[in-house]
Amino acid sequence: MSDRSGIFAGGDPFAIAQRWLDEAELSEPNDPNAIALSTVDADGLPNVRMVLLKEILPDSFVFYTNYESAKAVEIEAAGKAAFVAHWKSLRRQVRVRGLVSRFDGPEADAYFASRSLKSRLGAWASRQSRPLGTRAELIAEVARQTARHGTNPSRPPFWGGYRIVPVEIEFWADGAFRLHDRFCWSRSDPLSVWDIRRLSP
């Protein structure tokens, strides 16, 4: 690992990921914390969508969603997920695969309370991933939820966080002539020691 230096340096992959995200926040024009989250349905068919990574903890990555959404149903069934964060401005990406569990304690309450009022009311109004007749129906439901919950809605019981505890994290940086630099941190389970390997481009 003598050549794992510069942007790849460090003994903690979560710290490296946080460092890269901090740099992206200075250069990405929109949503530097956007990630493409991949899950698998009951038939084994992959599904992917963009979500916002809200926190990097010392041992996991956290995002929030509706627990009745398609992604949540697939996560609950499989207990696993993967994502990639790609930053064009830095020409870097981070790929993560791991085990998923709910993150819906006081931290989820605090994050929900920090969101804009309209976003909080929208969370109450949206039956995420399920059929919707017209946009007017959605707007009407937002109005109903506004009348019901007022200006300080609590976190819905069907909305909260998920934390991904990785068994694999790959750091990728663009290289000249497509000779990219790739370092993969892998382990058999969350309690095991990381094995770090350079991968071919």
N, C-alpha and C. Protein backbone atom coordinates (compact mmCIF):
# COMPACT_ATOMS: atom_id res chain seq x y z
N MET A 1 0.81 -1.21 0.00
CA MET A 1 0.00 0.00 0.00
C MET A 1 0.85 1.27 0.00
N SER A 2 2.10 1.14 -0.41
CA SER A 2 2.98 2.31 -0.40
C SER A 2 2.52 3.40 -1.35
N ASP A 3 1.76 3.02 -2.40
CA ASP A 3 1.33 4.04 -3.36
C ASP A 3 -0.05 4.60 -3.03
N ARG A 4 -0.64 4.19 -1.90
CA ARG A 4 -1.94 4.73 -1.51
C ARG A 4 -1.71 6.01 -0.73
N SER A 5 -1.50 7.10 -1.46
CA SER A 5 -1.17 8.38 -0.86
C SER A 5 -2.07 9.47 -1.44
N GLY A 6 -1.77 10.72 -1.12
CA GLY A 6 -2.56 11.82 -1.66
C GLY A 6 -4.01 11.72 -1.25
N ILE A 7 -4.92 11.79 -2.21
CA ILE A 7 -6.35 11.78 -1.89
C ILE A 7 -6.81 10.44 -1.33
N PHE A 8 -6.01 9.39 -1.52
CA PHE A 8 -6.37 8.05 -1.02
C PHE A 8 -5.79 7.76 0.37
N ALA A 9 -5.01 8.66 0.90
CA ALA A 9 -4.30 8.41 2.16
C ALA A 9 -5.25 8.34 3.34
N GLY A 10 -4.88 7.51 4.32
CA GLY A 10 -5.64 7.42 5.56
C GLY A 10 -5.98 6.00 5.93
N GLY A 11 -6.22 5.78 7.20
CA GLY A 11 -6.53 4.45 7.70
C GLY A 11 -7.99 4.23 8.00
N ASP A 12 -8.84 5.23 7.71
CA ASP A 12 -10.27 5.12 8.00
C ASP A 12 -11.05 5.48 6.73
N PRO A 13 -11.74 4.51 6.11
CA PRO A 13 -12.44 4.80 4.86
C PRO A 13 -13.59 5.80 5.01
N PHE A 14 -14.19 5.84 6.21
CA PHE A 14 -15.28 6.80 6.42
C PHE A 14 -14.73 8.23 6.46
N ALA A 15 -13.54 8.39 7.02
CA ALA A 15 -12.90 9.70 7.04
C ALA A 15 -12.50 10.13 5.63
N ILE A 16 -12.03 9.19 4.83
CA ILE A 16 -11.68 9.51 3.44
C ILE A 16 -12.93 9.92 2.68
N ALA A 17 -14.02 9.16 2.85
CA ALA A 17 -15.28 9.49 2.17
C ALA A 17 -15.78 10.86 2.59
N GLN A 18 -15.69 11.19 3.88
CA GLN A 18 -16.12 12.49 4.36
C GLN A 18 -15.25 13.60 3.77
N ARG A 19 -13.96 13.35 3.67
CA ARG A 19 -13.05 14.33 3.10
C ARG A 19 -13.39 14.61 1.63
N TRP A 20 -13.67 13.55 0.90
CA TRP A 20 -14.03 13.72 -0.50
C TRP A 20 -15.36 14.46 -0.64
N LEU A 21 -16.33 14.14 0.22
CA LEU A 21 -17.61 14.84 0.17
C LEU A 21 -17.44 16.31 0.52
N ASP A 22 -16.61 16.61 1.51
CA ASP A 22 -16.35 18.01 1.87
C ASP A 22 -15.76 18.77 0.68
N GLU A 23 -14.85 18.13 -0.05
CA GLU A 23 -14.26 18.78 -1.22
C GLU A 23 -15.31 18.98 -2.31
N ALA A 24 -16.19 17.99 -2.49
CA ALA A 24 -17.23 18.10 -3.50
C ALA A 24 -18.20 19.23 -3.20
N GLU A 25 -18.43 19.49 -1.92
CA GLU A 25 -19.33 20.58 -1.54
C GLU A 25 -18.82 21.95 -2.00
N LEU A 26 -17.52 22.03 -2.25
CA LEU A 26 -16.92 23.29 -2.70
C LEU A 26 -16.91 23.43 -4.22
N SER A 27 -17.16 22.31 -4.93
CA SER A 27 -17.00 22.36 -6.38
C SER A 27 -18.21 21.89 -7.19
N GLU A 28 -19.07 21.08 -6.58
CA GLU A 28 -20.24 20.58 -7.31
C GLU A 28 -21.33 21.65 -7.36
N PRO A 29 -21.92 21.90 -8.53
CA PRO A 29 -22.94 22.95 -8.64
C PRO A 29 -24.25 22.62 -7.92
N ASN A 30 -24.59 21.33 -7.87
CA ASN A 30 -25.87 20.93 -7.24
C ASN A 30 -25.72 19.61 -6.50
N ASP A 31 -26.32 19.54 -5.33
CA ASP A 31 -26.44 18.29 -4.57
C ASP A 31 -25.18 17.44 -4.56
N PRO A 32 -24.10 17.91 -3.96
CA PRO A 32 -22.88 17.10 -3.88
C PRO A 32 -23.07 15.80 -3.10
N ASN A 33 -24.14 15.74 -2.30
CA ASN A 33 -24.41 14.53 -1.51
C ASN A 33 -25.39 13.58 -2.21
N ALA A 34 -25.64 13.80 -3.50
CA ALA A 34 -26.53 12.91 -4.24
C ALA A 34 -25.82 11.58 -4.49
N ILE A 35 -26.56 10.48 -4.27
CA ILE A 35 -26.02 9.15 -4.52
C ILE A 35 -27.04 8.36 -5.32
N ALA A 36 -26.55 7.43 -6.14
CA ALA A 36 -27.43 6.51 -6.86
C ALA A 36 -27.53 5.26 -6.00
N LEU A 37 -28.71 5.04 -5.42
CA LEU A 37 -28.94 3.93 -4.49
C LEU A 37 -29.53 2.75 -5.25
N SER A 38 -28.92 1.59 -5.10
CA SER A 38 -29.37 0.39 -5.78
C SER A 38 -29.91 -0.64 -4.80
N THR A 39 -31.07 -1.21 -5.14
CA THR A 39 -31.68 -2.28 -4.36
C THR A 39 -32.11 -3.37 -5.34
N VAL A 40 -32.65 -4.45 -4.82
CA VAL A 40 -33.11 -5.56 -5.65
C VAL A 40 -34.52 -5.94 -5.22
N ASP A 41 -35.42 -6.16 -6.20
CA ASP A 41 -36.78 -6.51 -5.84
C ASP A 41 -36.93 -8.01 -5.57
N ALA A 42 -38.15 -8.45 -5.31
CA ALA A 42 -38.39 -9.84 -4.92
C ALA A 42 -38.01 -10.83 -6.02
N ASP A 43 -37.99 -10.36 -7.27
CA ASP A 43 -37.62 -11.23 -8.39
C ASP A 43 -36.14 -11.16 -8.72
N GLY A 44 -35.38 -10.39 -7.95
CA GLY A 44 -33.96 -10.25 -8.20
C GLY A 44 -33.63 -9.19 -9.23
N LEU A 45 -34.63 -8.41 -9.65
CA LEU A 45 -34.40 -7.36 -10.64
C LEU A 45 -33.88 -6.11 -9.95
N PRO A 46 -32.72 -5.59 -10.37
CA PRO A 46 -32.16 -4.40 -9.71
C PRO A 46 -33.01 -3.15 -9.94
N ASN A 47 -32.92 -2.25 -9.02
CA ASN A 47 -33.61 -0.97 -9.06
C ASN A 47 -32.63 0.10 -8.61
N VAL A 48 -32.63 1.26 -9.23
CA VAL A 48 -31.71 2.32 -8.82
C VAL A 48 -32.41 3.66 -8.92
N ARG A 49 -32.08 4.55 -7.97
CA ARG A 49 -32.65 5.90 -7.97
C ARG A 49 -31.72 6.82 -7.20
N MET A 50 -31.87 8.13 -7.44
CA MET A 50 -31.05 9.10 -6.75
C MET A 50 -31.69 9.47 -5.41
N VAL A 51 -30.87 9.47 -4.36
CA VAL A 51 -31.30 9.95 -3.04
C VAL A 51 -30.19 10.83 -2.50
N LEU A 52 -30.44 11.47 -1.38
CA LEU A 52 -29.44 12.33 -0.77
C LEU A 52 -28.81 11.67 0.45
N LEU A 53 -27.49 11.54 0.41
CA LEU A 53 -26.75 11.04 1.56
C LEU A 53 -26.73 12.15 2.60
N LYS A 54 -27.28 11.88 3.78
CA LYS A 54 -27.42 12.94 4.77
C LYS A 54 -26.36 12.95 5.85
N GLU A 55 -25.68 11.82 6.05
CA GLU A 55 -24.66 11.80 7.10
C GLU A 55 -23.70 10.64 6.89
N ILE A 56 -22.44 10.89 7.17
CA ILE A 56 -21.45 9.83 7.22
C ILE A 56 -21.06 9.67 8.69
N LEU A 57 -21.45 8.54 9.26
CA LEU A 57 -21.13 8.24 10.66
C LEU A 57 -19.79 7.51 10.72
N PRO A 58 -19.25 7.29 11.91
CA PRO A 58 -17.97 6.59 12.02
C PRO A 58 -17.99 5.16 11.49
N ASP A 59 -19.21 4.61 11.28
CA ASP A 59 -19.30 3.22 10.83
C ASP A 59 -20.33 2.98 9.74
N SER A 60 -20.96 4.06 9.22
CA SER A 60 -22.05 3.84 8.26
C SER A 60 -22.40 5.11 7.51
N PHE A 61 -23.28 4.93 6.52
CA PHE A 61 -23.77 6.03 5.68
C PHE A 61 -25.30 6.10 5.85
N VAL A 62 -25.84 7.31 6.01
CA VAL A 62 -27.25 7.47 6.35
C VAL A 62 -28.00 8.27 5.29
N PHE A 63 -29.20 7.76 4.93
CA PHE A 63 -30.12 8.52 4.09
C PHE A 63 -31.52 8.33 4.66
N TYR A 64 -32.47 9.15 4.20
CA TYR A 64 -33.84 9.11 4.71
C TYR A 64 -34.84 8.89 3.59
N THR A 65 -35.97 8.28 3.94
CA THR A 65 -36.99 8.00 2.94
C THR A 65 -38.30 7.62 3.60
N ASN A 66 -39.30 7.39 2.77
CA ASN A 66 -40.59 6.88 3.21
C ASN A 66 -40.46 5.36 3.35
N TYR A 67 -40.81 4.83 4.51
CA TYR A 67 -40.67 3.40 4.75
C TYR A 67 -41.66 2.55 3.94
N GLU A 68 -42.61 3.21 3.28
CA GLU A 68 -43.56 2.49 2.44
C GLU A 68 -43.21 2.61 0.97
N SER A 69 -42.08 3.23 0.65
CA SER A 69 -41.66 3.40 -0.74
C SER A 69 -41.14 2.09 -1.30
N ALA A 70 -40.98 2.04 -2.62
CA ALA A 70 -40.46 0.83 -3.27
C ALA A 70 -39.07 0.50 -2.76
N LYS A 71 -38.23 1.52 -2.61
CA LYS A 71 -36.86 1.26 -2.15
C LYS A 71 -36.84 0.66 -0.75
N ALA A 72 -37.73 1.19 0.11
CA ALA A 72 -37.78 0.69 1.49
C ALA A 72 -38.29 -0.75 1.54
N VAL A 73 -39.28 -1.06 0.75
CA VAL A 73 -39.81 -2.43 0.70
C VAL A 73 -38.71 -3.39 0.27
N GLU A 74 -37.92 -3.00 -0.73
CA GLU A 74 -36.84 -3.85 -1.22
C GLU A 74 -35.72 -3.96 -0.18
N ILE A 75 -35.42 -2.87 0.48
CA ILE A 75 -34.39 -2.90 1.53
C ILE A 75 -34.81 -3.81 2.68
N GLU A 76 -36.04 -3.67 3.11
CA GLU A 76 -36.53 -4.48 4.22
C GLU A 76 -36.47 -5.97 3.89
N ALA A 77 -36.74 -6.31 2.64
CA ALA A 77 -36.75 -7.72 2.25
C ALA A 77 -35.34 -8.29 2.13
N ALA A 78 -34.43 -7.50 1.57
CA ALA A 78 -33.07 -8.00 1.30
C ALA A 78 -32.09 -7.71 2.42
N GLY A 79 -32.27 -6.57 3.10
CA GLY A 79 -31.34 -6.17 4.15
C GLY A 79 -30.00 -5.70 3.62
N LYS A 80 -29.94 -5.45 2.31
CA LYS A 80 -28.69 -5.04 1.67
C LYS A 80 -28.97 -3.97 0.62
N ALA A 81 -27.96 -3.17 0.33
CA ALA A 81 -28.08 -2.15 -0.71
C ALA A 81 -26.68 -1.71 -1.14
N ALA A 82 -26.64 -0.96 -2.21
CA ALA A 82 -25.38 -0.41 -2.71
C ALA A 82 -25.63 1.00 -3.21
N PHE A 83 -24.59 1.81 -3.24
CA PHE A 83 -24.73 3.13 -3.85
C PHE A 83 -23.41 3.59 -4.43
N VAL A 84 -23.52 4.57 -5.31
CA VAL A 84 -22.33 5.24 -5.84
C VAL A 84 -22.55 6.74 -5.75
N ALA A 85 -21.53 7.46 -5.30
CA ALA A 85 -21.51 8.91 -5.33
C ALA A 85 -20.48 9.29 -6.39
N HIS A 86 -20.89 10.09 -7.36
CA HIS A 86 -20.00 10.47 -8.46
C HIS A 86 -19.93 11.99 -8.54
N TRP A 87 -18.71 12.51 -8.52
CA TRP A 87 -18.51 13.96 -8.58
C TRP A 87 -17.73 14.32 -9.84
N LYS A 88 -18.44 14.88 -10.83
CA LYS A 88 -17.79 15.23 -12.10
C LYS A 88 -16.72 16.30 -11.91
N SER A 89 -16.98 17.23 -10.99
CA SER A 89 -16.03 18.33 -10.80
C SER A 89 -14.69 17.83 -10.26
N LEU A 90 -14.72 16.74 -9.49
CA LEU A 90 -13.49 16.18 -8.92
C LEU A 90 -12.98 14.99 -9.73
N ARG A 91 -13.83 14.47 -10.62
CA ARG A 91 -13.51 13.26 -11.37
C ARG A 91 -13.20 12.11 -10.41
N ARG A 92 -14.09 11.96 -9.44
CA ARG A 92 -13.94 10.90 -8.45
C ARG A 92 -15.30 10.26 -8.18
N GLN A 93 -15.25 9.05 -7.64
CA GLN A 93 -16.47 8.42 -7.18
C GLN A 93 -16.17 7.48 -6.02
N VAL A 94 -17.20 7.23 -5.23
CA VAL A 94 -17.13 6.28 -4.12
C VAL A 94 -18.26 5.28 -4.31
N ARG A 95 -17.92 4.01 -4.30
CA ARG A 95 -18.91 2.94 -4.39
C ARG A 95 -18.98 2.21 -3.05
N VAL A 96 -20.22 1.93 -2.61
CA VAL A 96 -20.43 1.28 -1.31
C VAL A 96 -21.42 0.13 -1.47
N ARG A 97 -21.11 -1.00 -0.84
CA ARG A 97 -22.06 -2.12 -0.75
C ARG A 97 -22.11 -2.57 0.71
N GLY A 98 -23.32 -2.86 1.21
CA GLY A 98 -23.36 -3.26 2.60
C GLY A 98 -24.72 -3.67 3.11
N LEU A 99 -24.78 -3.77 4.44
CA LEU A 99 -25.97 -4.20 5.15
C LEU A 99 -26.74 -2.98 5.62
N VAL A 100 -28.06 -3.07 5.57
CA VAL A 100 -28.90 -1.91 5.86
C VAL A 100 -29.82 -2.18 7.04
N SER A 101 -29.95 -1.17 7.90
CA SER A 101 -30.89 -1.24 9.01
C SER A 101 -31.55 0.12 9.19
N ARG A 102 -32.68 0.12 9.86
CA ARG A 102 -33.39 1.39 10.09
C ARG A 102 -32.61 2.29 11.04
N PHE A 103 -32.77 3.58 10.82
CA PHE A 103 -32.11 4.61 11.64
C PHE A 103 -33.20 5.62 11.96
N ASP A 104 -34.09 5.26 12.90
CA ASP A 104 -35.29 6.08 13.10
C ASP A 104 -35.50 6.51 14.54
N GLY A 105 -34.42 6.75 15.24
CA GLY A 105 -34.51 7.23 16.61
C GLY A 105 -34.55 8.74 16.67
N PRO A 106 -34.01 9.32 17.75
CA PRO A 106 -34.01 10.78 17.91
C PRO A 106 -33.26 11.51 16.81
N GLU A 107 -32.27 10.84 16.20
CA GLU A 107 -31.54 11.48 15.10
C GLU A 107 -32.47 11.74 13.92
N ALA A 108 -33.36 10.77 13.65
CA ALA A 108 -34.31 10.94 12.55
C ALA A 108 -35.31 12.05 12.88
N ASP A 109 -35.74 12.13 14.14
CA ASP A 109 -36.64 13.20 14.55
C ASP A 109 -35.97 14.57 14.35
N ALA A 110 -34.70 14.65 14.75
CA ALA A 110 -33.98 15.92 14.64
C ALA A 110 -33.79 16.32 13.19
N TYR A 111 -33.45 15.34 12.34
CA TYR A 111 -33.28 15.68 10.92
C TYR A 111 -34.60 16.12 10.31
N PHE A 112 -35.69 15.39 10.61
CA PHE A 112 -36.99 15.76 10.05
C PHE A 112 -37.36 17.18 10.47
N ALA A 113 -37.11 17.52 11.72
CA ALA A 113 -37.44 18.85 12.23
C ALA A 113 -36.62 19.94 11.54
N SER A 114 -35.43 19.57 11.03
CA SER A 114 -34.57 20.56 10.37
C SER A 114 -34.99 20.86 8.93
N ARG A 115 -35.86 20.03 8.38
CA ARG A 115 -36.30 20.23 7.00
C ARG A 115 -37.27 21.40 6.91
N SER A 116 -37.44 21.93 5.71
CA SER A 116 -38.38 23.03 5.53
C SER A 116 -39.80 22.55 5.83
N LEU A 117 -40.66 23.47 6.21
CA LEU A 117 -42.04 23.12 6.53
C LEU A 117 -42.72 22.43 5.35
N LYS A 118 -42.51 22.94 4.16
CA LYS A 118 -43.17 22.36 2.99
C LYS A 118 -42.69 20.94 2.74
N SER A 119 -41.40 20.68 3.00
CA SER A 119 -40.88 19.32 2.83
C SER A 119 -41.48 18.38 3.86
N ARG A 120 -41.65 18.87 5.09
CA ARG A 120 -42.24 18.03 6.15
C ARG A 120 -43.70 17.71 5.84
N LEU A 121 -44.43 18.70 5.37
CA LEU A 121 -45.83 18.46 5.01
C LEU A 121 -45.91 17.55 3.78
N GLY A 122 -44.97 17.71 2.87
CA GLY A 122 -44.94 16.85 1.69
C GLY A 122 -44.71 15.40 2.06
N ALA A 123 -43.89 15.17 3.08
CA ALA A 123 -43.64 13.81 3.54
C ALA A 123 -44.92 13.16 4.06
N TRP A 124 -45.74 13.96 4.74
CA TRP A 124 -47.02 13.45 5.23
C TRP A 124 -47.98 13.18 4.07
N ALA A 125 -47.93 14.01 3.05
CA ALA A 125 -48.91 13.93 1.96
C ALA A 125 -48.61 12.86 0.91
N SER A 126 -47.33 12.57 0.69
CA SER A 126 -46.97 11.68 -0.40
C SER A 126 -47.07 10.20 -0.03
N ARG A 127 -47.76 9.45 -0.84
CA ARG A 127 -47.79 7.99 -0.72
C ARG A 127 -46.73 7.46 -1.69
N GLN A 128 -45.49 7.65 -1.33
CA GLN A 128 -44.35 7.48 -2.23
C GLN A 128 -44.35 6.14 -2.97
N SER A 129 -44.09 6.23 -4.26
CA SER A 129 -43.97 5.10 -5.18
C SER A 129 -45.30 4.49 -5.60
N ARG A 130 -46.41 4.95 -5.01
CA ARG A 130 -47.71 4.38 -5.37
C ARG A 130 -48.42 5.25 -6.41
N PRO A 131 -49.32 4.65 -7.19
CA PRO A 131 -49.98 5.40 -8.27
C PRO A 131 -50.67 6.67 -7.78
N LEU A 132 -50.61 7.70 -8.62
CA LEU A 132 -51.22 9.00 -8.33
C LEU A 132 -52.00 9.44 -9.56
N GLY A 133 -53.27 9.78 -9.36
CA GLY A 133 -54.11 10.18 -10.49
C GLY A 133 -53.63 11.45 -11.17
N THR A 134 -53.60 12.55 -10.41
CA THR A 134 -53.17 13.83 -10.96
C THR A 134 -52.34 14.58 -9.92
N ARG A 135 -51.59 15.57 -10.40
CA ARG A 135 -50.82 16.38 -9.47
C ARG A 135 -51.77 17.18 -8.56
N ALA A 136 -52.93 17.53 -9.09
CA ALA A 136 -53.91 18.28 -8.30
C ALA A 136 -54.32 17.50 -7.06
N GLU A 137 -54.41 16.17 -7.19
CA GLU A 137 -54.74 15.34 -6.03
C GLU A 137 -53.66 15.44 -4.96
N LEU A 138 -52.41 15.47 -5.41
CA LEU A 138 -51.30 15.58 -4.46
C LEU A 138 -51.33 16.93 -3.74
N ILE A 139 -51.55 17.99 -4.50
CA ILE A 139 -51.62 19.33 -3.91
C ILE A 139 -52.77 19.41 -2.90
N ALA A 140 -53.89 18.79 -3.24
CA ALA A 140 -55.03 18.80 -2.32
C ALA A 140 -54.69 18.05 -1.04
N GLU A 141 -53.93 16.95 -1.16
CA GLU A 141 -53.55 16.19 0.02
C GLU A 141 -52.57 16.99 0.88
N VAL A 142 -51.68 17.75 0.25
CA VAL A 142 -50.78 18.62 1.01
C VAL A 142 -51.61 19.63 1.81
N ALA A 143 -52.64 20.17 1.19
CA ALA A 143 -53.51 21.14 1.89
C ALA A 143 -54.20 20.47 3.08
N ARG A 144 -54.66 19.24 2.89
CA ARG A 144 -55.32 18.53 3.99
C ARG A 144 -54.34 18.28 5.14
N GLN A 145 -53.14 17.88 4.79
CA GLN A 145 -52.13 17.60 5.82
C GLN A 145 -51.69 18.88 6.52
N THR A 146 -51.68 19.98 5.79
CA THR A 146 -51.34 21.28 6.39
C THR A 146 -52.39 21.66 7.43
N ALA A 147 -53.66 21.47 7.09
CA ALA A 147 -54.74 21.78 8.02
C ALA A 147 -54.68 20.86 9.24
N ARG A 148 -54.26 19.62 9.02
CA ARG A 148 -54.23 18.65 10.10
C ARG A 148 -53.04 18.85 11.05
N HIS A 149 -51.85 19.15 10.48
CA HIS A 149 -50.63 19.18 11.29
C HIS A 149 -50.11 20.58 11.61
N GLY A 150 -50.61 21.59 10.93
CA GLY A 150 -50.19 22.95 11.23
C GLY A 150 -48.76 23.25 10.83
N THR A 151 -48.12 24.11 11.60
CA THR A 151 -46.80 24.61 11.21
C THR A 151 -45.63 23.86 11.87
N ASN A 152 -45.95 22.82 12.65
CA ASN A 152 -44.87 22.07 13.29
C ASN A 152 -45.18 20.57 13.26
N PRO A 153 -45.24 19.99 12.05
CA PRO A 153 -45.58 18.57 11.96
C PRO A 153 -44.48 17.68 12.50
N SER A 154 -44.87 16.65 13.24
CA SER A 154 -43.90 15.69 13.75
C SER A 154 -43.51 14.72 12.63
N ARG A 155 -42.48 13.94 12.87
CA ARG A 155 -42.04 12.97 11.87
C ARG A 155 -43.09 11.87 11.71
N PRO A 156 -43.51 11.58 10.48
CA PRO A 156 -44.49 10.51 10.27
C PRO A 156 -43.92 9.17 10.71
N PRO A 157 -44.76 8.27 11.20
CA PRO A 157 -44.28 6.95 11.61
C PRO A 157 -43.77 6.12 10.44
N PHE A 158 -44.16 6.53 9.23
CA PHE A 158 -43.74 5.80 8.03
C PHE A 158 -42.55 6.46 7.32
N TRP A 159 -41.86 7.34 8.01
CA TRP A 159 -40.75 8.07 7.40
C TRP A 159 -39.56 8.07 8.36
N GLY A 160 -38.36 7.79 7.83
CA GLY A 160 -37.18 7.81 8.69
C GLY A 160 -35.93 7.46 7.92
N GLY A 161 -34.91 7.08 8.66
CA GLY A 161 -33.62 6.85 8.04
C GLY A 161 -33.25 5.39 7.88
N TYR A 162 -32.25 5.19 7.02
CA TYR A 162 -31.58 3.90 6.89
C TYR A 162 -30.09 4.16 6.98
N ARG A 163 -29.39 3.22 7.61
CA ARG A 163 -27.93 3.31 7.64
C ARG A 163 -27.35 2.09 6.93
N ILE A 164 -26.40 2.36 6.06
CA ILE A 164 -25.71 1.29 5.34
C ILE A 164 -24.36 1.07 6.01
N VAL A 165 -24.17 -0.11 6.55
CA VAL A 165 -22.89 -0.50 7.14
C VAL A 165 -22.14 -1.29 6.07
N PRO A 166 -21.09 -0.74 5.52
CA PRO A 166 -20.47 -1.36 4.36
C PRO A 166 -19.60 -2.57 4.65
N VAL A 167 -19.60 -3.48 3.70
CA VAL A 167 -18.62 -4.56 3.67
C VAL A 167 -17.64 -4.32 2.52
N GLU A 168 -17.95 -3.30 1.71
CA GLU A 168 -17.04 -2.93 0.62
C GLU A 168 -17.19 -1.44 0.31
N ILE A 169 -16.07 -0.76 0.21
CA ILE A 169 -16.03 0.64 -0.19
C ILE A 169 -14.92 0.78 -1.23
N GLU A 170 -15.26 1.33 -2.37
CA GLU A 170 -14.23 1.55 -3.40
C GLU A 170 -14.08 3.04 -3.67
N PHE A 171 -12.85 3.50 -3.65
CA PHE A 171 -12.52 4.88 -3.98
C PHE A 171 -11.90 4.90 -5.38
N TRP A 172 -12.45 5.71 -6.26
CA TRP A 172 -12.06 5.75 -7.67
C TRP A 172 -11.72 7.19 -8.05
N ALA A 173 -10.60 7.36 -8.76
CA ALA A 173 -10.24 8.68 -9.27
C ALA A 173 -9.80 8.56 -10.72
N ASP A 174 -10.23 9.51 -11.52
CA ASP A 174 -9.94 9.52 -12.95
C ASP A 174 -8.43 9.61 -13.19
N GLY A 175 -7.95 8.83 -14.14
CA GLY A 175 -6.54 8.85 -14.49
C GLY A 175 -6.34 9.14 -15.98
N ALA A 176 -5.18 9.63 -16.33
CA ALA A 176 -4.88 9.91 -17.73
C ALA A 176 -4.96 8.63 -18.55
N PHE A 177 -5.46 8.77 -19.79
CA PHE A 177 -5.56 7.63 -20.73
C PHE A 177 -6.44 6.52 -20.15
N ARG A 178 -7.38 6.91 -19.30
CA ARG A 178 -8.31 5.97 -18.67
C ARG A 178 -7.60 4.94 -17.79
N LEU A 179 -6.43 5.29 -17.31
CA LEU A 179 -5.71 4.45 -16.34
C LEU A 179 -6.06 4.97 -14.95
N HIS A 180 -7.28 4.70 -14.55
CA HIS A 180 -7.83 5.23 -13.31
C HIS A 180 -7.18 4.59 -12.08
N ASP A 181 -7.24 5.31 -10.97
CA ASP A 181 -6.78 4.78 -9.69
C ASP A 181 -7.99 4.27 -8.92
N ARG A 182 -7.90 3.02 -8.44
CA ARG A 182 -9.00 2.40 -7.70
C ARG A 182 -8.45 1.66 -6.48
N PHE A 183 -9.02 1.95 -5.33
CA PHE A 183 -8.65 1.22 -4.12
C PHE A 183 -9.93 0.69 -3.49
N CYS A 184 -9.96 -0.62 -3.25
CA CYS A 184 -11.13 -1.27 -2.69
C CYS A 184 -10.84 -1.72 -1.26
N TRP A 185 -11.67 -1.26 -0.33
CA TRP A 185 -11.64 -1.70 1.06
C TRP A 185 -12.73 -2.74 1.21
N SER A 186 -12.40 -3.94 1.61
CA SER A 186 -13.41 -4.99 1.75
C SER A 186 -13.20 -5.77 3.04
N ARG A 187 -14.30 -6.37 3.52
CA ARG A 187 -14.25 -7.19 4.72
C ARG A 187 -15.42 -8.18 4.64
N SER A 188 -15.30 -9.29 5.32
CA SER A 188 -16.33 -10.32 5.24
C SER A 188 -17.60 -9.94 5.99
N ASP A 189 -17.46 -9.11 7.03
CA ASP A 189 -18.61 -8.66 7.81
C ASP A 189 -18.21 -7.37 8.53
N PRO A 190 -19.17 -6.64 9.09
CA PRO A 190 -18.87 -5.34 9.71
C PRO A 190 -17.90 -5.37 10.89
N LEU A 191 -17.65 -6.54 11.45
CA LEU A 191 -16.74 -6.63 12.59
C LEU A 191 -15.33 -7.03 12.18
N SER A 192 -15.14 -7.35 10.92
CA SER A 192 -13.84 -7.80 10.45
C SER A 192 -12.93 -6.63 10.10
N VAL A 193 -11.64 -6.93 9.98
CA VAL A 193 -10.64 -5.93 9.61
C VAL A 193 -10.71 -5.70 8.10
N TRP A 194 -10.49 -4.46 7.69
CA TRP A 194 -10.51 -4.12 6.28
C TRP A 194 -9.30 -4.71 5.55
N ASP A 195 -9.56 -5.23 4.37
CA ASP A 195 -8.51 -5.63 3.44
C ASP A 195 -8.49 -4.57 2.34
N ILE A 196 -7.35 -3.97 2.06
CA ILE A 196 -7.27 -2.88 1.10
C ILE A 196 -6.45 -3.32 -0.12
N ARG A 197 -7.04 -3.19 -1.29
CA ARG A 197 -6.35 -3.62 -2.50
C ARG A 197 -6.50 -2.56 -3.60
N ARG A 198 -5.41 -2.38 -4.34
CA ARG A 198 -5.50 -1.56 -5.55
C ARG A 198 -6.09 -2.44 -6.64
N LEU A 199 -7.03 -1.87 -7.41
CA LEU A 199 -7.66 -2.60 -8.51
C LEU A 199 -7.19 -2.04 -9.85
N SER A 200 -7.19 -2.88 -10.84
CA SER A 200 -6.88 -2.43 -12.19
C SER A 200 -8.00 -1.48 -12.67
N PRO A 201 -7.68 -0.56 -13.55
CA PRO A 201 -8.70 0.40 -14.02
C PRO A 201 -9.90 -0.30 -14.66
